[in-house]
Amino acid sequence: MRDYTYIDGYRFTIWNIYRSKRFDIDRLDINFADKEKPNFVRGLRVVDHNESETYLLHGGDADNLSYSLCYLHHENKENIPDYFDEYLIQATSKKEYLVHKLFEEEKPLEVAVH
């Protein structure tokens, strides 16, 4: 696998931060540009291999996804294999990447925030 990709003519390095049977999450950082500054300079790419979909996230959405993965990693004490995938399925379908907002109907606030 190559360690770079092109988005709108700009080259980005790829750093895989999560991999499962269904999803890949990659950190993308711009590393070659010869035009005006693009909207997407750094962020995350979520690849859903089952649905053949790719989602590019930057700014607040990328921050929320990074935070949520860290939060869920801490919460997953039983080491359930599909724990992150369940979150990613809901997050990509609802376009809401902050775990607390995504599951606020399902969990009491004090449990979600603890």
PDB file of N, CA and C in Angstrom:
ATOM      1  N   MET A   1       0.844  -1.178   0.000  1.00  0.00           N
ATOM      2  CA  MET A   1       0.000   0.000   0.000  1.00  0.00           C
ATOM      3  C   MET A   1       0.885   1.235   0.000  1.00  0.00           C
ATOM      4  N   ARG A   2       0.566   2.185  -0.858  1.00  0.00           N
ATOM      5  CA  ARG A   2       1.352   3.410  -0.874  1.00  0.00           C
ATOM      6  C   ARG A   2       1.007   4.270   0.341  1.00  0.00           C
ATOM      7  N   ASP A   3       1.895   5.161   0.679  1.00  0.00           N
ATOM      8  CA  ASP A   3       1.704   5.972   1.872  1.00  0.00           C
ATOM      9  C   ASP A   3       1.261   7.392   1.542  1.00  0.00           C
ATOM     10  N   TYR A   4       0.677   7.594   0.368  1.00  0.00           N
ATOM     11  CA  TYR A   4       0.139   8.907   0.007  1.00  0.00           C
ATOM     12  C   TYR A   4      -1.065   8.721  -0.912  1.00  0.00           C
ATOM     13  N   THR A   5      -1.881   9.785  -0.997  1.00  0.00           N
ATOM     14  CA  THR A   5      -3.033   9.802  -1.880  1.00  0.00           C
ATOM     15  C   THR A   5      -3.220  11.229  -2.386  1.00  0.00           C
ATOM     16  N   TYR A   6      -4.014  11.384  -3.414  1.00  0.00           N
ATOM     17  CA  TYR A   6      -4.296  12.698  -3.976  1.00  0.00           C
ATOM     18  C   TYR A   6      -5.761  13.046  -3.757  1.00  0.00           C
ATOM     19  N   ILE A   7      -5.995  14.267  -3.310  1.00  0.00           N
ATOM     20  CA  ILE A   7      -7.347  14.797  -3.143  1.00  0.00           C
ATOM     21  C   ILE A   7      -7.364  16.167  -3.809  1.00  0.00           C
ATOM     22  N   ASP A   8      -8.199  16.324  -4.825  1.00  0.00           N
ATOM     23  CA  ASP A   8      -8.319  17.588  -5.569  1.00  0.00           C
ATOM     24  C   ASP A   8      -6.969  18.098  -6.067  1.00  0.00           C
ATOM     25  N   GLY A   9      -6.091  17.196  -6.481  1.00  0.00           N
ATOM     26  CA  GLY A   9      -4.801  17.577  -7.035  1.00  0.00           C
ATOM     27  C   GLY A   9      -3.702  17.833  -6.021  1.00  0.00           C
ATOM     28  N   TYR A  10      -3.994  17.692  -4.746  1.00  0.00           N
ATOM     29  CA  TYR A  10      -2.999  17.879  -3.694  1.00  0.00           C
ATOM     30  C   TYR A  10      -2.613  16.506  -3.142  1.00  0.00           C
ATOM     31  N   ARG A  11      -1.339  16.353  -2.794  1.00  0.00           N
ATOM     32  CA  ARG A  11      -0.870  15.073  -2.274  1.00  0.00           C
ATOM     33  C   ARG A  11      -0.886  15.086  -0.749  1.00  0.00           C
ATOM     34  N   PHE A  12      -1.364  13.974  -0.163  1.00  0.00           N
ATOM     35  CA  PHE A  12      -1.483  13.818   1.280  1.00  0.00           C
ATOM     36  C   PHE A  12      -0.800  12.541   1.725  1.00  0.00           C
ATOM     37  N   THR A  13      -0.082  12.616   2.847  1.00  0.00           N
ATOM     38  CA  THR A  13       0.456  11.393   3.455  1.00  0.00           C
ATOM     39  C   THR A  13      -0.677  10.680   4.186  1.00  0.00           C
ATOM     40  N   ILE A  14      -0.571   9.371   4.259  1.00  0.00           N
ATOM     41  CA  ILE A  14      -1.585   8.533   4.903  1.00  0.00           C
ATOM     42  C   ILE A  14      -0.956   7.860   6.116  1.00  0.00           C
ATOM     43  N   TRP A  15      -1.622   7.988   7.260  1.00  0.00           N
ATOM     44  CA  TRP A  15      -1.211   7.306   8.493  1.00  0.00           C
ATOM     45  C   TRP A  15      -2.427   6.556   9.011  1.00  0.00           C
ATOM     46  N   ASN A  16      -2.431   5.240   8.915  1.00  0.00           N
ATOM     47  CA  ASN A  16      -3.570   4.461   9.381  1.00  0.00           C
ATOM     48  C   ASN A  16      -3.580   4.442  10.905  1.00  0.00           C
ATOM     49  N   ILE A  17      -4.718   4.837  11.499  1.00  0.00           N
ATOM     50  CA  ILE A  17      -4.825   4.862  12.960  1.00  0.00           C
ATOM     51  C   ILE A  17      -5.812   3.838  13.501  1.00  0.00           C
ATOM     52  N   TYR A  18      -6.653   3.258  12.620  1.00  0.00           N
ATOM     53  CA  TYR A  18      -7.602   2.233  13.058  1.00  0.00           C
ATOM     54  C   TYR A  18      -7.924   1.336  11.872  1.00  0.00           C
ATOM     55  N   ARG A  19      -7.991   0.049  12.130  1.00  0.00           N
ATOM     56  CA  ARG A  19      -8.337  -0.902  11.072  1.00  0.00           C
ATOM     57  C   ARG A  19      -9.165  -2.035  11.675  1.00  0.00           C
ATOM     58  N   SER A  20     -10.258  -2.355  11.004  1.00  0.00           N
ATOM     59  CA  SER A  20     -11.063  -3.525  11.350  1.00  0.00           C
ATOM     60  C   SER A  20     -11.414  -4.227  10.041  1.00  0.00           C
ATOM     61  N   LYS A  21     -12.234  -5.263  10.111  1.00  0.00           N
ATOM     62  CA  LYS A  21     -12.645  -5.935   8.881  1.00  0.00           C
ATOM     63  C   LYS A  21     -13.473  -5.008   7.995  1.00  0.00           C
ATOM     64  N   ARG A  22     -14.212  -4.075   8.613  1.00  0.00           N
ATOM     65  CA  ARG A  22     -15.092  -3.188   7.850  1.00  0.00           C
ATOM     66  C   ARG A  22     -14.497  -1.810   7.596  1.00  0.00           C
ATOM     67  N   PHE A  23     -13.814  -1.225   8.571  1.00  0.00           N
ATOM     68  CA  PHE A  23     -13.393   0.175   8.492  1.00  0.00           C
ATOM     69  C   PHE A  23     -11.881   0.342   8.525  1.00  0.00           C
ATOM     70  N   ASP A  24     -11.439   1.404   7.880  1.00  0.00           N
ATOM     71  CA  ASP A  24     -10.100   1.963   8.047  1.00  0.00           C
ATOM     72  C   ASP A  24     -10.278   3.427   8.385  1.00  0.00           C
ATOM     73  N   ILE A  25      -9.504   3.909   9.348  1.00  0.00           N
ATOM     74  CA  ILE A  25      -9.447   5.345   9.607  1.00  0.00           C
ATOM     75  C   ILE A  25      -8.004   5.753   9.410  1.00  0.00           C
ATOM     76  N   ASP A  26      -7.817   6.733   8.533  1.00  0.00           N
ATOM     77  CA  ASP A  26      -6.488   7.222   8.202  1.00  0.00           C
ATOM     78  C   ASP A  26      -6.388   8.701   8.539  1.00  0.00           C
ATOM     79  N   ARG A  27      -5.244   9.082   9.042  1.00  0.00           N
ATOM     80  CA  ARG A  27      -4.936  10.495   9.201  1.00  0.00           C
ATOM     81  C   ARG A  27      -4.309  10.947   7.896  1.00  0.00           C
ATOM     82  N   LEU A  28      -4.769  12.070   7.372  1.00  0.00           N
ATOM     83  CA  LEU A  28      -4.251  12.625   6.127  1.00  0.00           C
ATOM     84  C   LEU A  28      -3.638  13.990   6.403  1.00  0.00           C
ATOM     85  N   ASP A  29      -2.409  14.184   5.957  1.00  0.00           N
ATOM     86  CA  ASP A  29      -1.715  15.465   6.090  1.00  0.00           C
ATOM     87  C   ASP A  29      -1.200  15.872   4.721  1.00  0.00           C
ATOM     88  N   ILE A  30      -1.460  17.109   4.331  1.00  0.00           N
ATOM     89  CA  ILE A  30      -0.983  17.588   3.040  1.00  0.00           C
ATOM     90  C   ILE A  30       0.544  17.596   3.045  1.00  0.00           C
ATOM     91  N   ASN A  31       1.156  17.139   1.954  1.00  0.00           N
ATOM     92  CA  ASN A  31       2.622  17.157   1.908  1.00  0.00           C
ATOM     93  C   ASN A  31       3.165  17.628   0.567  1.00  0.00           C
ATOM     94  N   PHE A  32       2.276  18.024  -0.357  1.00  0.00           N
ATOM     95  CA  PHE A  32       2.731  18.647  -1.595  1.00  0.00           C
ATOM     96  C   PHE A  32       1.614  19.518  -2.142  1.00  0.00           C
ATOM     97  N   ALA A  33       1.930  20.786  -2.383  1.00  0.00           N
ATOM     98  CA  ALA A  33       0.948  21.716  -2.931  1.00  0.00           C
ATOM     99  C   ALA A  33       1.675  22.737  -3.790  1.00  0.00           C
ATOM    100  N   ASP A  34       1.072  23.075  -4.910  1.00  0.00           N
ATOM    101  CA  ASP A  34       1.660  24.102  -5.769  1.00  0.00           C
ATOM    102  C   ASP A  34       0.602  25.083  -6.261  1.00  0.00           C
ATOM    103  N   LYS A  35      -0.556  25.094  -5.606  1.00  0.00           N
ATOM    104  CA  LYS A  35      -1.643  25.997  -5.962  1.00  0.00           C
ATOM    105  C   LYS A  35      -2.082  26.736  -4.703  1.00  0.00           C
ATOM    106  N   GLU A  36      -3.282  27.293  -4.762  1.00  0.00           N
ATOM    107  CA  GLU A  36      -3.833  27.967  -3.590  1.00  0.00           C
ATOM    108  C   GLU A  36      -4.159  26.965  -2.495  1.00  0.00           C
ATOM    109  N   LYS A  37      -4.255  27.471  -1.273  1.00  0.00           N
ATOM    110  CA  LYS A  37      -4.535  26.610  -0.125  1.00  0.00           C
ATOM    111  C   LYS A  37      -5.921  25.969  -0.282  1.00  0.00           C
ATOM    112  N   PRO A  38      -5.984  24.630  -0.174  1.00  0.00           N
ATOM    113  CA  PRO A  38      -7.277  23.945  -0.285  1.00  0.00           C
ATOM    114  C   PRO A  38      -8.066  24.038   1.021  1.00  0.00           C
ATOM    115  N   ASN A  39      -9.347  23.691   0.961  1.00  0.00           N
ATOM    116  CA  ASN A  39     -10.164  23.649   2.176  1.00  0.00           C
ATOM    117  C   ASN A  39      -9.703  22.544   3.110  1.00  0.00           C
ATOM    118  N   PHE A  40      -9.318  21.407   2.537  1.00  0.00           N
ATOM    119  CA  PHE A  40      -8.882  20.264   3.330  1.00  0.00           C
ATOM    120  C   PHE A  40      -7.358  20.239   3.339  1.00  0.00           C
ATOM    121  N   VAL A  41      -6.739  20.494   4.491  1.00  0.00           N
ATOM    122  CA  VAL A  41      -5.282  20.499   4.631  1.00  0.00           C
ATOM    123  C   VAL A  41      -4.813  19.310   5.472  1.00  0.00           C
ATOM    124  N   ARG A  42      -5.570  18.990   6.502  1.00  0.00           N
ATOM    125  CA  ARG A  42      -5.284  17.806   7.319  1.00  0.00           C
ATOM    126  C   ARG A  42      -6.597  17.363   7.951  1.00  0.00           C
ATOM    127  N   GLY A  43      -6.685  16.078   8.194  1.00  0.00           N
ATOM    128  CA  GLY A  43      -7.895  15.549   8.799  1.00  0.00           C
ATOM    129  C   GLY A  43      -7.890  14.037   8.772  1.00  0.00           C
ATOM    130  N   LEU A  44      -9.079  13.471   8.795  1.00  0.00           N
ATOM    131  CA  LEU A  44      -9.234  12.031   8.851  1.00  0.00           C
ATOM    132  C   LEU A  44     -10.064  11.536   7.670  1.00  0.00           C
ATOM    133  N   ARG A  45      -9.740  10.331   7.239  1.00  0.00           N
ATOM    134  CA  ARG A  45     -10.512   9.670   6.187  1.00  0.00           C
ATOM    135  C   ARG A  45     -11.043   8.374   6.772  1.00  0.00           C
ATOM    136  N   VAL A  46     -12.359   8.197   6.695  1.00  0.00           N
ATOM    137  CA  VAL A  46     -12.995   6.957   7.138  1.00  0.00           C
ATOM    138  C   VAL A  46     -13.401   6.198   5.881  1.00  0.00           C
ATOM    139  N   VAL A  47     -12.902   4.974   5.743  1.00  0.00           N
ATOM    140  CA  VAL A  47     -13.232   4.132   4.601  1.00  0.00           C
ATOM    141  C   VAL A  47     -14.087   2.976   5.106  1.00  0.00           C
ATOM    142  N   ASP A  48     -15.316   2.907   4.593  1.00  0.00           N
ATOM    143  CA  ASP A  48     -16.235   1.821   4.916  1.00  0.00           C
ATOM    144  C   ASP A  48     -16.163   0.819   3.773  1.00  0.00           C
ATOM    145  N   HIS A  49     -15.473  -0.297   3.991  1.00  0.00           N
ATOM    146  CA  HIS A  49     -15.255  -1.275   2.925  1.00  0.00           C
ATOM    147  C   HIS A  49     -16.524  -2.040   2.564  1.00  0.00           C
ATOM    148  N   ASN A  50     -17.448  -2.207   3.504  1.00  0.00           N
ATOM    149  CA  ASN A  50     -18.703  -2.901   3.198  1.00  0.00           C
ATOM    150  C   ASN A  50     -19.599  -2.084   2.282  1.00  0.00           C
ATOM    151  N   GLU A  51     -19.640  -0.776   2.493  1.00  0.00           N
ATOM    152  CA  GLU A  51     -20.513   0.106   1.720  1.00  0.00           C
ATOM    153  C   GLU A  51     -19.789   0.795   0.571  1.00  0.00           C
ATOM    154  N   SER A  52     -18.487   0.579   0.454  1.00  0.00           N
ATOM    155  CA  SER A  52     -17.657   1.250  -0.565  1.00  0.00           C
ATOM    156  C   SER A  52     -17.828   2.768  -0.508  1.00  0.00           C
ATOM    157  N   GLU A  53     -17.788   3.298   0.713  1.00  0.00           N
ATOM    158  CA  GLU A  53     -17.919   4.736   0.950  1.00  0.00           C
ATOM    159  C   GLU A  53     -16.655   5.266   1.620  1.00  0.00           C
ATOM    160  N   THR A  54     -16.330   6.525   1.320  1.00  0.00           N
ATOM    161  CA  THR A  54     -15.208   7.202   1.954  1.00  0.00           C
ATOM    162  C   THR A  54     -15.698   8.544   2.464  1.00  0.00           C
ATOM    163  N   TYR A  55     -15.341   8.874   3.707  1.00  0.00           N
ATOM    164  CA  TYR A  55     -15.739  10.126   4.337  1.00  0.00           C
ATOM    165  C   TYR A  55     -14.477  10.886   4.722  1.00  0.00           C
ATOM    166  N   LEU A  56     -14.385  12.151   4.302  1.00  0.00           N
ATOM    167  CA  LEU A  56     -13.273  13.018   4.689  1.00  0.00           C
ATOM    168  C   LEU A  56     -13.757  13.954   5.781  1.00  0.00           C
ATOM    169  N   LEU A  57     -13.022  14.003   6.883  1.00  0.00           N
ATOM    170  CA  LEU A  57     -13.394  14.838   8.021  1.00  0.00           C
ATOM    171  C   LEU A  57     -12.238  15.756   8.373  1.00  0.00           C
ATOM    172  N   HIS A  58     -12.562  17.015   8.643  1.00  0.00           N
ATOM    173  CA  HIS A  58     -11.549  17.940   9.139  1.00  0.00           C
ATOM    174  C   HIS A  58     -12.214  18.895  10.108  1.00  0.00           C
ATOM    175  N   GLY A  59     -11.422  19.682  10.770  1.00  0.00           N
ATOM    176  CA  GLY A  59     -11.951  20.632  11.742  1.00  0.00           C
ATOM    177  C   GLY A  59     -12.629  19.926  12.903  1.00  0.00           C
ATOM    178  N   GLY A  60     -13.798  20.441  13.280  1.00  0.00           N
ATOM    179  CA  GLY A  60     -14.535  19.915  14.428  1.00  0.00           C
ATOM    180  C   GLY A  60     -14.928  18.458  14.307  1.00  0.00           C
ATOM    181  N   ASP A  61     -15.349  18.032  13.110  1.00  0.00           N
ATOM    182  CA  ASP A  61     -15.733  16.627  12.942  1.00  0.00           C
ATOM    183  C   ASP A  61     -14.546  15.690  13.165  1.00  0.00           C
ATOM    184  N   ALA A  62     -13.374  16.055  12.644  1.00  0.00           N
ATOM    185  CA  ALA A  62     -12.176  15.226  12.849  1.00  0.00           C
ATOM    186  C   ALA A  62     -11.782  15.208  14.327  1.00  0.00           C
ATOM    187  N   ASP A  63     -11.888  16.352  14.985  1.00  0.00           N
ATOM    188  CA  ASP A  63     -11.595  16.401  16.425  1.00  0.00           C
ATOM    189  C   ASP A  63     -12.566  15.522  17.207  1.00  0.00           C
ATOM    190  N   ASN A  64     -13.852  15.591  16.852  1.00  0.00           N
ATOM    191  CA  ASN A  64     -14.855  14.781  17.548  1.00  0.00           C
ATOM    192  C   ASN A  64     -14.622  13.288  17.333  1.00  0.00           C
ATOM    193  N   LEU A  65     -14.253  12.895  16.123  1.00  0.00           N
ATOM    194  CA  LEU A  65     -13.972  11.485  15.855  1.00  0.00           C
ATOM    195  C   LEU A  65     -12.747  11.023  16.650  1.00  0.00           C
ATOM    196  N   SER A  66     -11.685  11.825  16.660  1.00  0.00           N
ATOM    197  CA  SER A  66     -10.483  11.462  17.414  1.00  0.00           C
ATOM    198  C   SER A  66     -10.795  11.318  18.902  1.00  0.00           C
ATOM    199  N   TYR A  67     -11.525  12.281  19.434  1.00  0.00           N
ATOM    200  CA  TYR A  67     -11.906  12.232  20.851  1.00  0.00           C
ATOM    201  C   TYR A  67     -12.767  11.013  21.137  1.00  0.00           C
ATOM    202  N   SER A  68     -13.757  10.760  20.285  1.00  0.00           N
ATOM    203  CA  SER A  68     -14.691   9.663  20.515  1.00  0.00           C
ATOM    204  C   SER A  68     -13.995   8.308  20.474  1.00  0.00           C
ATOM    205  N   LEU A  69     -13.043   8.130  19.551  1.00  0.00           N
ATOM    206  CA  LEU A  69     -12.301   6.875  19.505  1.00  0.00           C
ATOM    207  C   LEU A  69     -11.485   6.679  20.783  1.00  0.00           C
ATOM    208  N   CYS A  70     -10.892   7.754  21.273  1.00  0.00           N
ATOM    209  CA  CYS A  70     -10.128   7.681  22.524  1.00  0.00           C
ATOM    210  C   CYS A  70     -11.058   7.361  23.696  1.00  0.00           C
ATOM    211  N   TYR A  71     -12.188   8.035  23.753  1.00  0.00           N
ATOM    212  CA  TYR A  71     -13.163   7.815  24.821  1.00  0.00           C
ATOM    213  C   TYR A  71     -13.676   6.377  24.796  1.00  0.00           C
ATOM    214  N   LEU A  72     -14.040   5.894  23.608  1.00  0.00           N
ATOM    215  CA  LEU A  72     -14.574   4.537  23.490  1.00  0.00           C
ATOM    216  C   LEU A  72     -13.510   3.483  23.797  1.00  0.00           C
ATOM    217  N   HIS A  73     -12.261   3.769  23.454  1.00  0.00           N
ATOM    218  CA  HIS A  73     -11.177   2.842  23.787  1.00  0.00           C
ATOM    219  C   HIS A  73     -11.091   2.655  25.302  1.00  0.00           C
ATOM    220  N   HIS A  74     -11.198   3.759  26.026  1.00  0.00           N
ATOM    221  CA  HIS A  74     -11.159   3.703  27.488  1.00  0.00           C
ATOM    222  C   HIS A  74     -12.382   2.973  28.035  1.00  0.00           C
ATOM    223  N   GLU A  75     -13.552   3.209  27.423  1.00  0.00           N
ATOM    224  CA  GLU A  75     -14.801   2.621  27.898  1.00  0.00           C
ATOM    225  C   GLU A  75     -14.905   1.130  27.573  1.00  0.00           C
ATOM    226  N   ASN A  76     -14.184   0.655  26.573  1.00  0.00           N
ATOM    227  CA  ASN A  76     -14.276  -0.727  26.108  1.00  0.00           C
ATOM    228  C   ASN A  76     -13.384  -1.641  26.955  1.00  0.00           C
ATOM    229  N   LYS A  77     -13.680  -1.736  28.222  1.00  0.00           N
ATOM    230  CA  LYS A  77     -12.860  -2.534  29.150  1.00  0.00           C
ATOM    231  C   LYS A  77     -12.952  -4.033  28.874  1.00  0.00           C
ATOM    232  N   GLU A  78     -14.070  -4.475  28.286  1.00  0.00           N
ATOM    233  CA  GLU A  78     -14.239  -5.897  27.980  1.00  0.00           C
ATOM    234  C   GLU A  78     -13.566  -6.277  26.672  1.00  0.00           C
ATOM    235  N   ASN A  79     -12.977  -5.300  25.973  1.00  0.00           N
ATOM    236  CA  ASN A  79     -12.278  -5.538  24.709  1.00  0.00           C
ATOM    237  C   ASN A  79     -13.187  -6.228  23.681  1.00  0.00           C
ATOM    238  N   ILE A  80     -14.390  -5.672  23.506  1.00  0.00           N
ATOM    239  CA  ILE A  80     -15.363  -6.198  22.545  1.00  0.00           C
ATOM    240  C   ILE A  80     -14.872  -5.858  21.143  1.00  0.00           C
ATOM    241  N   PRO A  81     -14.685  -6.837  20.264  1.00  0.00           N
ATOM    242  CA  PRO A  81     -14.056  -6.609  18.958  1.00  0.00           C
ATOM    243  C   PRO A  81     -14.772  -5.596  18.057  1.00  0.00           C
ATOM    244  N   ASP A  82     -16.098  -5.584  18.039  1.00  0.00           N
ATOM    245  CA  ASP A  82     -16.825  -4.710  17.109  1.00  0.00           C
ATOM    246  C   ASP A  82     -17.301  -3.414  17.762  1.00  0.00           C
ATOM    247  N   TYR A  83     -16.757  -3.082  18.899  1.00  0.00           N
ATOM    248  CA  TYR A  83     -17.192  -1.910  19.658  1.00  0.00           C
ATOM    249  C   TYR A  83     -17.064  -0.614  18.849  1.00  0.00           C
ATOM    250  N   PHE A  84     -15.907  -0.407  18.228  1.00  0.00           N
ATOM    251  CA  PHE A  84     -15.686   0.803  17.438  1.00  0.00           C
ATOM    252  C   PHE A  84     -16.504   0.786  16.163  1.00  0.00           C
ATOM    253  N   ASP A  85     -16.659  -0.374  15.553  1.00  0.00           N
ATOM    254  CA  ASP A  85     -17.426  -0.464  14.314  1.00  0.00           C
ATOM    255  C   ASP A  85     -18.876  -0.056  14.526  1.00  0.00           C
ATOM    256  N   GLU A  86     -19.470  -0.443  15.651  1.00  0.00           N
ATOM    257  CA  GLU A  86     -20.851  -0.046  15.929  1.00  0.00           C
ATOM    258  C   GLU A  86     -20.962   1.476  16.019  1.00  0.00           C
ATOM    259  N   TYR A  87     -20.009   2.094  16.684  1.00  0.00           N
ATOM    260  CA  TYR A  87     -19.978   3.560  16.755  1.00  0.00           C
ATOM    261  C   TYR A  87     -19.816   4.166  15.358  1.00  0.00           C
ATOM    262  N   LEU A  88     -18.879   3.631  14.558  1.00  0.00           N
ATOM    263  CA  LEU A  88     -18.622   4.185  13.231  1.00  0.00           C
ATOM    264  C   LEU A  88     -19.809   4.031  12.290  1.00  0.00           C
ATOM    265  N   ILE A  89     -20.536   2.942  12.389  1.00  0.00           N
ATOM    266  CA  ILE A  89     -21.730   2.749  11.558  1.00  0.00           C
ATOM    267  C   ILE A  89     -22.742   3.855  11.844  1.00  0.00           C
ATOM    268  N   GLN A  90     -22.990   4.118  13.116  1.00  0.00           N
ATOM    269  CA  GLN A  90     -23.950   5.166  13.477  1.00  0.00           C
ATOM    270  C   GLN A  90     -23.405   6.558  13.157  1.00  0.00           C
ATOM    271  N   ALA A  91     -22.136   6.788  13.440  1.00  0.00           N
ATOM    272  CA  ALA A  91     -21.543   8.107  13.219  1.00  0.00           C
ATOM    273  C   ALA A  91     -21.574   8.491  11.743  1.00  0.00           C
ATOM    274  N   THR A  92     -21.210   7.567  10.861  1.00  0.00           N
ATOM    275  CA  THR A  92     -21.193   7.895   9.432  1.00  0.00           C
ATOM    276  C   THR A  92     -22.598   8.030   8.860  1.00  0.00           C
ATOM    277  N   SER A  93     -23.543   7.270   9.372  1.00  0.00           N
ATOM    278  CA  SER A  93     -24.907   7.377   8.843  1.00  0.00           C
ATOM    279  C   SER A  93     -25.594   8.653   9.320  1.00  0.00           C
ATOM    280  N   LYS A  94     -25.329   9.076  10.559  1.00  0.00           N
ATOM    281  CA  LYS A  94     -25.966  10.278  11.108  1.00  0.00           C
ATOM    282  C   LYS A  94     -25.127  11.537  10.924  1.00  0.00           C
ATOM    283  N   LYS A  95     -23.892  11.380  10.451  1.00  0.00           N
ATOM    284  CA  LYS A  95     -22.960  12.509  10.291  1.00  0.00           C
ATOM    285  C   LYS A  95     -22.737  13.245  11.602  1.00  0.00           C
ATOM    286  N   GLU A  96     -22.731  12.506  12.696  1.00  0.00           N
ATOM    287  CA  GLU A  96     -22.458  13.036  14.033  1.00  0.00           C
ATOM    288  C   GLU A  96     -21.327  12.215  14.614  1.00  0.00           C
ATOM    289  N   TYR A  97     -20.178  12.853  14.865  1.00  0.00           N
ATOM    290  CA  TYR A  97     -18.983  12.120  15.255  1.00  0.00           C
ATOM    291  C   TYR A  97     -18.634  12.254  16.732  1.00  0.00           C
ATOM    292  N   LEU A  98     -19.363  13.076  17.475  1.00  0.00           N
ATOM    293  CA  LEU A  98     -19.122  13.189  18.914  1.00  0.00           C
ATOM    294  C   LEU A  98     -19.961  12.139  19.626  1.00  0.00           C
ATOM    295  N   VAL A  99     -19.320  11.217  20.278  1.00  0.00           N
ATOM    296  CA  VAL A  99     -19.992  10.063  20.870  1.00  0.00           C
ATOM    297  C   VAL A  99     -21.080  10.486  21.855  1.00  0.00           C
ATOM    298  N   HIS A 100     -20.872  11.555  22.609  1.00  0.00           N
ATOM    299  CA  HIS A 100     -21.854  11.990  23.601  1.00  0.00           C
ATOM    300  C   HIS A 100     -23.149  12.444  22.938  1.00  0.00           C
ATOM    301  N   LYS A 101     -23.062  13.124  21.807  1.00  0.00           N
ATOM    302  CA  LYS A 101     -24.263  13.556  21.092  1.00  0.00           C
ATOM    303  C   LYS A 101     -24.918  12.384  20.374  1.00  0.00           C
ATOM    304  N   LEU A 102     -24.118  11.489  19.862  1.00  0.00           N
ATOM    305  CA  LEU A 102     -24.640  10.357  19.104  1.00  0.00           C
ATOM    306  C   LEU A 102     -25.464   9.423  19.980  1.00  0.00           C
ATOM    307  N   PHE A 103     -25.025   9.212  21.222  1.00  0.00           N
ATOM    308  CA  PHE A 103     -25.688   8.266  22.110  1.00  0.00           C
ATOM    309  C   PHE A 103     -26.439   8.934  23.258  1.00  0.00           C
ATOM    310  N   GLU A 104     -26.718  10.238  23.155  1.00  0.00           N
ATOM    311  CA  GLU A 104     -27.343  10.906  24.298  1.00  0.00           C
ATOM    312  C   GLU A 104     -28.752  10.389  24.574  1.00  0.00           C
ATOM    313  N   GLU A 105     -29.471   9.869  23.564  1.00  0.00           N
ATOM    314  CA  GLU A 105     -30.798   9.318  23.815  1.00  0.00           C
ATOM    315  C   GLU A 105     -30.704   7.965  24.516  1.00  0.00           C
ATOM    316  N   GLU A 106     -29.605   7.262  24.318  1.00  0.00           N
ATOM    317  CA  GLU A 106     -29.478   5.907  24.836  1.00  0.00           C
ATOM    318  C   GLU A 106     -28.868   5.848  26.227  1.00  0.00           C
ATOM    319  N   LYS A 107     -28.076   6.860  26.611  1.00  0.00           N
ATOM    320  CA  LYS A 107     -27.388   6.817  27.897  1.00  0.00           C
ATOM    321  C   LYS A 107     -27.766   8.050  28.714  1.00  0.00           C
ATOM    322  N   PRO A 108     -27.872   7.894  30.024  1.00  0.00           N
ATOM    323  CA  PRO A 108     -28.032   9.088  30.857  1.00  0.00           C
ATOM    324  C   PRO A 108     -26.782   9.970  30.728  1.00  0.00           C
ATOM    325  N   LEU A 109     -26.957  11.263  30.831  1.00  0.00           N
ATOM    326  CA  LEU A 109     -25.865  12.210  30.632  1.00  0.00           C
ATOM    327  C   LEU A 109     -24.679  11.931  31.551  1.00  0.00           C
ATOM    328  N   GLU A 110     -24.948  11.611  32.826  1.00  0.00           N
ATOM    329  CA  GLU A 110     -23.833  11.393  33.753  1.00  0.00           C
ATOM    330  C   GLU A 110     -23.013  10.151  33.384  1.00  0.00           C
ATOM    331  N   VAL A 111     -23.624   9.163  32.746  1.00  0.00           N
ATOM    332  CA  VAL A 111     -22.885   7.987  32.316  1.00  0.00           C
ATOM    333  C   VAL A 111     -22.067   8.327  31.072  1.00  0.00           C
ATOM    334  N   ALA A 112     -22.633   9.106  30.162  1.00  0.00           N
ATOM    335  CA  ALA A 112     -21.940   9.453  28.925  1.00  0.00           C
ATOM    336  C   ALA A 112     -20.725  10.330  29.195  1.00  0.00           C
ATOM    337  N   VAL A 113     -20.799  11.208  30.170  1.00  0.00           N
ATOM    338  CA  VAL A 113     -19.737  12.157  30.425  1.00  0.00           C
ATOM    339  C   VAL A 113     -18.766  11.669  31.493  1.00  0.00           C
ATOM    340  N   HIS A 114     -19.200  10.923  32.436  1.00  0.00           N
ATOM    341  CA  HIS A 114     -18.486  10.493  33.651  1.00  0.00           C
ATOM    342  C   HIS A 114     -17.190  11.153  33.744  1.00  0.00           C
TER     343      HIS A 114
END
